Amino acid sequence: MKKYILHTIIIPTAWLLPRRLLVKALDILTRLFSGETMRLVMAAGGSYGYKRETIPRSWVEKPISMMFCGTKFNCPSFWQEYLVNLYGNYMKLPPIENRSNRHGIVKLKFLD
């Protein structure tokens, strides 16, 4: 019943609420569980939805450092599992008609 209410009422109408209120609610929820050890974690602001953004905590507990295009990044220690979970076959580009800028980023510049 909780999932039904969430998916049929709360999520579809959440855009009607002020962003500030949603951010505050998320902040309160995360503080309620701070210090708790959860088996699963998720990217609350992820663009792929709950199912694909939820992963075992062990994948991200101990990040590893990896080079990408000449810059070092912290990555999940189970980075291959993470990429497969999120994208499926991450080594294969999607068809051109399915490619889009999911995050609205126009230009990204990393500073040292």
N, C-alpha and C. Protein backbone atom coordinates (compact mmCIF):
# COMPACT_ATOMS: atom_id res chain seq x y z
N MET A 1 0.82 -1.19 0.00
CA MET A 1 0.00 0.00 0.00
C MET A 1 0.87 1.27 0.00
N LYS A 2 2.00 1.22 0.78
CA LYS A 2 2.88 2.39 0.84
C LYS A 2 3.45 2.70 -0.53
N LYS A 3 3.88 1.64 -1.25
CA LYS A 3 4.44 1.84 -2.59
C LYS A 3 3.38 2.41 -3.53
N TYR A 4 2.17 1.92 -3.42
CA TYR A 4 1.08 2.39 -4.27
C TYR A 4 0.84 3.89 -4.05
N ILE A 5 0.76 4.29 -2.79
CA ILE A 5 0.54 5.71 -2.47
C ILE A 5 1.70 6.55 -2.98
N LEU A 6 2.93 6.06 -2.76
CA LEU A 6 4.11 6.79 -3.20
C LEU A 6 4.09 7.00 -4.71
N HIS A 7 3.84 5.94 -5.47
CA HIS A 7 3.92 6.01 -6.93
C HIS A 7 2.70 6.60 -7.61
N THR A 8 1.56 6.58 -6.97
CA THR A 8 0.36 7.11 -7.63
C THR A 8 -0.05 8.50 -7.15
N ILE A 9 0.38 8.87 -5.94
CA ILE A 9 -0.03 10.17 -5.41
C ILE A 9 1.16 11.09 -5.14
N ILE A 10 2.10 10.63 -4.34
CA ILE A 10 3.19 11.52 -3.90
C ILE A 10 4.12 11.92 -5.04
N ILE A 11 4.68 10.95 -5.75
CA ILE A 11 5.64 11.28 -6.82
C ILE A 11 5.01 12.12 -7.93
N PRO A 12 3.83 11.74 -8.45
CA PRO A 12 3.26 12.57 -9.53
C PRO A 12 2.89 13.99 -9.12
N THR A 13 2.62 14.21 -7.83
CA THR A 13 2.22 15.55 -7.40
C THR A 13 3.35 16.33 -6.73
N ALA A 14 4.52 15.73 -6.53
CA ALA A 14 5.63 16.38 -5.84
C ALA A 14 6.07 17.66 -6.54
N TRP A 15 5.96 17.70 -7.87
CA TRP A 15 6.39 18.89 -8.61
C TRP A 15 5.54 20.12 -8.27
N LEU A 16 4.38 19.92 -7.67
CA LEU A 16 3.53 21.03 -7.27
C LEU A 16 4.05 21.74 -6.02
N LEU A 17 4.87 21.04 -5.25
CA LEU A 17 5.40 21.60 -4.01
C LEU A 17 6.62 22.47 -4.28
N PRO A 18 6.84 23.48 -3.46
CA PRO A 18 8.03 24.31 -3.63
C PRO A 18 9.30 23.48 -3.44
N ARG A 19 10.29 23.74 -4.27
CA ARG A 19 11.55 22.99 -4.21
C ARG A 19 12.17 23.07 -2.81
N ARG A 20 12.11 24.24 -2.20
CA ARG A 20 12.67 24.44 -0.87
C ARG A 20 12.07 23.45 0.14
N LEU A 21 10.77 23.22 0.04
CA LEU A 21 10.09 22.29 0.94
C LEU A 21 10.57 20.85 0.70
N LEU A 22 10.73 20.47 -0.56
CA LEU A 22 11.20 19.12 -0.88
C LEU A 22 12.62 18.89 -0.38
N VAL A 23 13.48 19.89 -0.55
CA VAL A 23 14.86 19.79 -0.06
C VAL A 23 14.87 19.65 1.45
N LYS A 24 14.05 20.43 2.12
CA LYS A 24 13.97 20.37 3.59
C LYS A 24 13.48 18.99 4.05
N ALA A 25 12.47 18.45 3.37
CA ALA A 25 11.95 17.12 3.72
C ALA A 25 13.02 16.05 3.53
N LEU A 26 13.78 16.13 2.44
CA LEU A 26 14.85 15.17 2.20
C LEU A 26 15.93 15.30 3.27
N ASP A 27 16.25 16.52 3.65
CA ASP A 27 17.24 16.75 4.70
C ASP A 27 16.79 16.12 6.02
N ILE A 28 15.53 16.30 6.37
CA ILE A 28 14.99 15.72 7.61
C ILE A 28 15.06 14.20 7.56
N LEU A 29 14.66 13.62 6.43
CA LEU A 29 14.69 12.16 6.29
C LEU A 29 16.10 11.61 6.42
N THR A 30 17.08 12.26 5.79
CA THR A 30 18.45 11.76 5.86
C THR A 30 19.01 11.88 7.28
N ARG A 31 18.62 12.93 7.99
CA ARG A 31 19.09 13.07 9.37
C ARG A 31 18.47 12.02 10.30
N LEU A 32 17.25 11.59 10.01
CA LEU A 32 16.60 10.56 10.81
C LEU A 32 17.40 9.26 10.80
N PHE A 33 18.07 8.99 9.67
CA PHE A 33 18.79 7.73 9.53
C PHE A 33 20.30 7.89 9.62
N SER A 34 20.80 9.07 9.99
CA SER A 34 22.24 9.25 10.09
C SER A 34 22.78 8.35 11.20
N GLY A 35 23.88 7.73 10.95
CA GLY A 35 24.46 6.82 11.92
C GLY A 35 23.94 5.40 11.80
N GLU A 36 22.86 5.21 11.06
CA GLU A 36 22.32 3.86 10.85
C GLU A 36 23.18 3.13 9.82
N THR A 37 23.36 1.86 10.00
CA THR A 37 24.07 1.06 9.02
C THR A 37 23.03 0.37 8.15
N MET A 38 22.98 0.79 6.91
CA MET A 38 22.03 0.22 5.96
C MET A 38 22.77 -0.71 5.00
N ARG A 39 22.11 -1.75 4.58
CA ARG A 39 22.71 -2.68 3.62
C ARG A 39 22.71 -2.08 2.22
N LEU A 40 21.69 -1.28 1.91
CA LEU A 40 21.58 -0.65 0.59
C LEU A 40 21.63 0.87 0.72
N VAL A 41 22.17 1.52 -0.31
CA VAL A 41 22.19 2.98 -0.38
C VAL A 41 21.68 3.39 -1.76
N MET A 42 21.27 4.65 -1.88
CA MET A 42 20.79 5.10 -3.19
C MET A 42 21.16 6.55 -3.42
N ALA A 43 21.22 6.90 -4.69
CA ALA A 43 21.42 8.30 -5.07
C ALA A 43 20.04 8.93 -5.14
N ALA A 44 19.69 9.69 -4.11
CA ALA A 44 18.34 10.27 -4.03
C ALA A 44 18.03 11.18 -5.20
N GLY A 45 19.03 11.85 -5.72
CA GLY A 45 18.81 12.76 -6.84
C GLY A 45 19.14 12.15 -8.18
N GLY A 46 19.34 10.85 -8.21
CA GLY A 46 19.71 10.17 -9.46
C GLY A 46 18.61 10.25 -10.50
N SER A 47 19.00 10.22 -11.75
CA SER A 47 18.02 10.38 -12.84
C SER A 47 17.53 9.06 -13.42
N TYR A 48 17.98 7.93 -12.85
CA TYR A 48 17.57 6.63 -13.40
C TYR A 48 16.52 5.91 -12.56
N GLY A 49 16.07 6.53 -11.50
CA GLY A 49 15.01 5.93 -10.71
C GLY A 49 15.52 5.05 -9.58
N TYR A 50 14.64 4.81 -8.65
CA TYR A 50 14.96 4.09 -7.41
C TYR A 50 15.63 2.75 -7.66
N LYS A 51 15.07 1.93 -8.55
CA LYS A 51 15.57 0.57 -8.75
C LYS A 51 17.03 0.56 -9.23
N ARG A 52 17.35 1.39 -10.22
CA ARG A 52 18.70 1.39 -10.78
C ARG A 52 19.68 2.19 -9.94
N GLU A 53 19.20 3.12 -9.14
CA GLU A 53 20.08 3.96 -8.32
C GLU A 53 20.35 3.35 -6.95
N THR A 54 19.71 2.24 -6.60
CA THR A 54 19.92 1.58 -5.31
C THR A 54 20.95 0.48 -5.47
N ILE A 55 22.00 0.55 -4.63
CA ILE A 55 23.10 -0.41 -4.73
C ILE A 55 23.52 -0.88 -3.33
N PRO A 56 24.24 -2.01 -3.25
CA PRO A 56 24.76 -2.43 -1.95
C PRO A 56 25.76 -1.40 -1.40
N ARG A 57 25.67 -1.12 -0.14
CA ARG A 57 26.55 -0.16 0.52
C ARG A 57 28.02 -0.54 0.33
N SER A 58 28.31 -1.84 0.30
CA SER A 58 29.69 -2.32 0.18
C SER A 58 30.36 -1.84 -1.11
N TRP A 59 29.59 -1.52 -2.13
CA TRP A 59 30.17 -1.06 -3.40
C TRP A 59 30.81 0.31 -3.26
N VAL A 60 30.34 1.12 -2.32
CA VAL A 60 30.83 2.50 -2.21
C VAL A 60 31.50 2.81 -0.87
N GLU A 61 31.56 1.85 0.04
CA GLU A 61 32.13 2.11 1.36
C GLU A 61 33.61 2.48 1.30
N LYS A 62 34.35 1.80 0.45
CA LYS A 62 35.79 2.05 0.34
C LYS A 62 36.10 2.44 -1.10
N PRO A 63 36.00 3.73 -1.43
CA PRO A 63 36.26 4.14 -2.82
C PRO A 63 37.71 3.91 -3.22
N ILE A 64 37.92 3.74 -4.52
CA ILE A 64 39.27 3.62 -5.06
C ILE A 64 39.51 4.81 -5.98
N SER A 65 40.76 5.14 -6.17
CA SER A 65 41.13 6.27 -7.02
C SER A 65 41.44 5.74 -8.42
N MET A 66 40.82 6.36 -9.45
CA MET A 66 41.04 5.93 -10.83
C MET A 66 41.24 7.14 -11.73
N MET A 67 42.03 6.96 -12.77
CA MET A 67 42.26 8.02 -13.75
C MET A 67 41.18 7.95 -14.83
N PHE A 68 40.66 9.11 -15.21
CA PHE A 68 39.69 9.20 -16.29
C PHE A 68 40.01 10.46 -17.08
N CYS A 69 40.40 10.28 -18.33
CA CYS A 69 40.75 11.41 -19.20
C CYS A 69 41.78 12.33 -18.54
N GLY A 70 42.78 11.75 -17.89
CA GLY A 70 43.85 12.53 -17.30
C GLY A 70 43.57 13.12 -15.94
N THR A 71 42.41 12.84 -15.36
CA THR A 71 42.05 13.36 -14.04
C THR A 71 41.74 12.19 -13.12
N LYS A 72 42.19 12.28 -11.85
CA LYS A 72 41.94 11.24 -10.87
C LYS A 72 40.60 11.47 -10.18
N PHE A 73 39.81 10.41 -10.07
CA PHE A 73 38.50 10.49 -9.43
C PHE A 73 38.37 9.36 -8.40
N ASN A 74 37.62 9.61 -7.32
CA ASN A 74 37.23 8.53 -6.43
C ASN A 74 36.07 7.79 -7.07
N CYS A 75 36.16 6.47 -7.09
CA CYS A 75 35.15 5.63 -7.73
C CYS A 75 34.74 4.51 -6.79
N PRO A 76 33.55 3.96 -7.00
CA PRO A 76 33.15 2.81 -6.19
C PRO A 76 34.16 1.68 -6.38
N SER A 77 34.47 0.96 -5.30
CA SER A 77 35.41 -0.15 -5.42
C SER A 77 34.84 -1.25 -6.33
N PHE A 78 33.54 -1.36 -6.39
CA PHE A 78 32.88 -2.31 -7.30
C PHE A 78 32.34 -1.53 -8.50
N TRP A 79 33.22 -0.80 -9.17
CA TRP A 79 32.80 0.11 -10.24
C TRP A 79 32.16 -0.61 -11.42
N GLN A 80 32.63 -1.80 -11.76
CA GLN A 80 32.03 -2.52 -12.89
C GLN A 80 30.59 -2.94 -12.57
N GLU A 81 30.38 -3.46 -11.37
CA GLU A 81 29.03 -3.85 -10.95
C GLU A 81 28.11 -2.64 -10.93
N TYR A 82 28.65 -1.51 -10.44
CA TYR A 82 27.86 -0.28 -10.40
C TYR A 82 27.43 0.15 -11.79
N LEU A 83 28.37 0.15 -12.75
CA LEU A 83 28.05 0.57 -14.12
C LEU A 83 27.06 -0.38 -14.78
N VAL A 84 27.21 -1.68 -14.56
CA VAL A 84 26.27 -2.65 -15.13
C VAL A 84 24.89 -2.45 -14.52
N ASN A 85 24.82 -2.23 -13.21
CA ASN A 85 23.54 -2.00 -12.54
C ASN A 85 22.84 -0.76 -13.10
N LEU A 86 23.60 0.29 -13.36
CA LEU A 86 23.03 1.56 -13.81
C LEU A 86 22.71 1.57 -15.30
N TYR A 87 23.63 1.06 -16.12
CA TYR A 87 23.49 1.19 -17.57
C TYR A 87 23.28 -0.11 -18.35
N GLY A 88 23.44 -1.26 -17.70
CA GLY A 88 23.42 -2.51 -18.45
C GLY A 88 24.79 -2.68 -19.11
N ASN A 89 24.82 -2.85 -20.42
CA ASN A 89 26.09 -2.96 -21.14
C ASN A 89 26.66 -1.55 -21.32
N TYR A 90 27.45 -1.12 -20.35
CA TYR A 90 27.97 0.25 -20.36
C TYR A 90 29.05 0.48 -21.42
N MET A 91 29.56 -0.58 -22.02
CA MET A 91 30.58 -0.44 -23.06
C MET A 91 29.97 -0.21 -24.45
N LYS A 92 28.66 -0.34 -24.55
CA LYS A 92 27.98 -0.15 -25.83
C LYS A 92 27.19 1.16 -25.79
N LEU A 93 27.48 2.06 -26.73
CA LEU A 93 26.74 3.31 -26.79
C LEU A 93 25.28 3.06 -27.16
N PRO A 94 24.36 3.79 -26.55
CA PRO A 94 22.95 3.65 -26.95
C PRO A 94 22.75 4.21 -28.36
N PRO A 95 21.68 3.82 -29.02
CA PRO A 95 21.40 4.38 -30.34
C PRO A 95 21.33 5.91 -30.25
N ILE A 96 21.73 6.58 -31.29
CA ILE A 96 21.82 8.05 -31.30
C ILE A 96 20.52 8.72 -30.87
N GLU A 97 19.38 8.13 -31.23
CA GLU A 97 18.08 8.73 -30.86
C GLU A 97 17.79 8.62 -29.36
N ASN A 98 18.51 7.74 -28.66
CA ASN A 98 18.31 7.58 -27.21
C ASN A 98 19.34 8.34 -26.38
N ARG A 99 20.24 9.05 -27.04
CA ARG A 99 21.25 9.82 -26.32
C ARG A 99 20.71 11.21 -26.01
N SER A 100 20.92 11.63 -24.77
CA SER A 100 20.45 12.96 -24.39
C SER A 100 21.27 13.46 -23.22
N ASN A 101 21.14 14.73 -22.96
CA ASN A 101 21.80 15.37 -21.83
C ASN A 101 20.84 15.25 -20.65
N ARG A 102 20.96 14.18 -19.88
CA ARG A 102 20.03 13.89 -18.80
C ARG A 102 20.13 14.86 -17.63
N HIS A 103 21.23 15.59 -17.52
CA HIS A 103 21.45 16.43 -16.35
C HIS A 103 21.46 17.91 -16.66
N GLY A 104 21.26 18.28 -17.90
CA GLY A 104 21.23 19.70 -18.24
C GLY A 104 22.60 20.37 -18.20
N ILE A 105 23.67 19.56 -18.16
CA ILE A 105 25.02 20.13 -18.11
C ILE A 105 25.43 20.54 -19.52
N VAL A 106 25.86 21.77 -19.66
CA VAL A 106 26.31 22.27 -20.95
C VAL A 106 27.82 22.16 -21.04
N LYS A 107 28.51 22.56 -19.97
CA LYS A 107 29.96 22.50 -19.96
C LYS A 107 30.41 22.17 -18.53
N LEU A 108 31.37 21.27 -18.42
CA LEU A 108 31.87 20.84 -17.13
C LEU A 108 33.38 21.05 -17.11
N LYS A 109 33.87 21.80 -16.11
CA LYS A 109 35.30 22.08 -16.02
C LYS A 109 35.79 21.70 -14.63
N PHE A 110 36.79 20.82 -14.58
CA PHE A 110 37.36 20.38 -13.31
C PHE A 110 38.58 21.24 -13.00
N LEU A 111 38.64 21.73 -11.78
CA LEU A 111 39.75 22.57 -11.34
C LEU A 111 40.69 21.74 -10.47
N ASP A 112 41.97 22.02 -10.56
CA ASP A 112 42.94 21.33 -9.71
C ASP A 112 42.97 21.94 -8.33
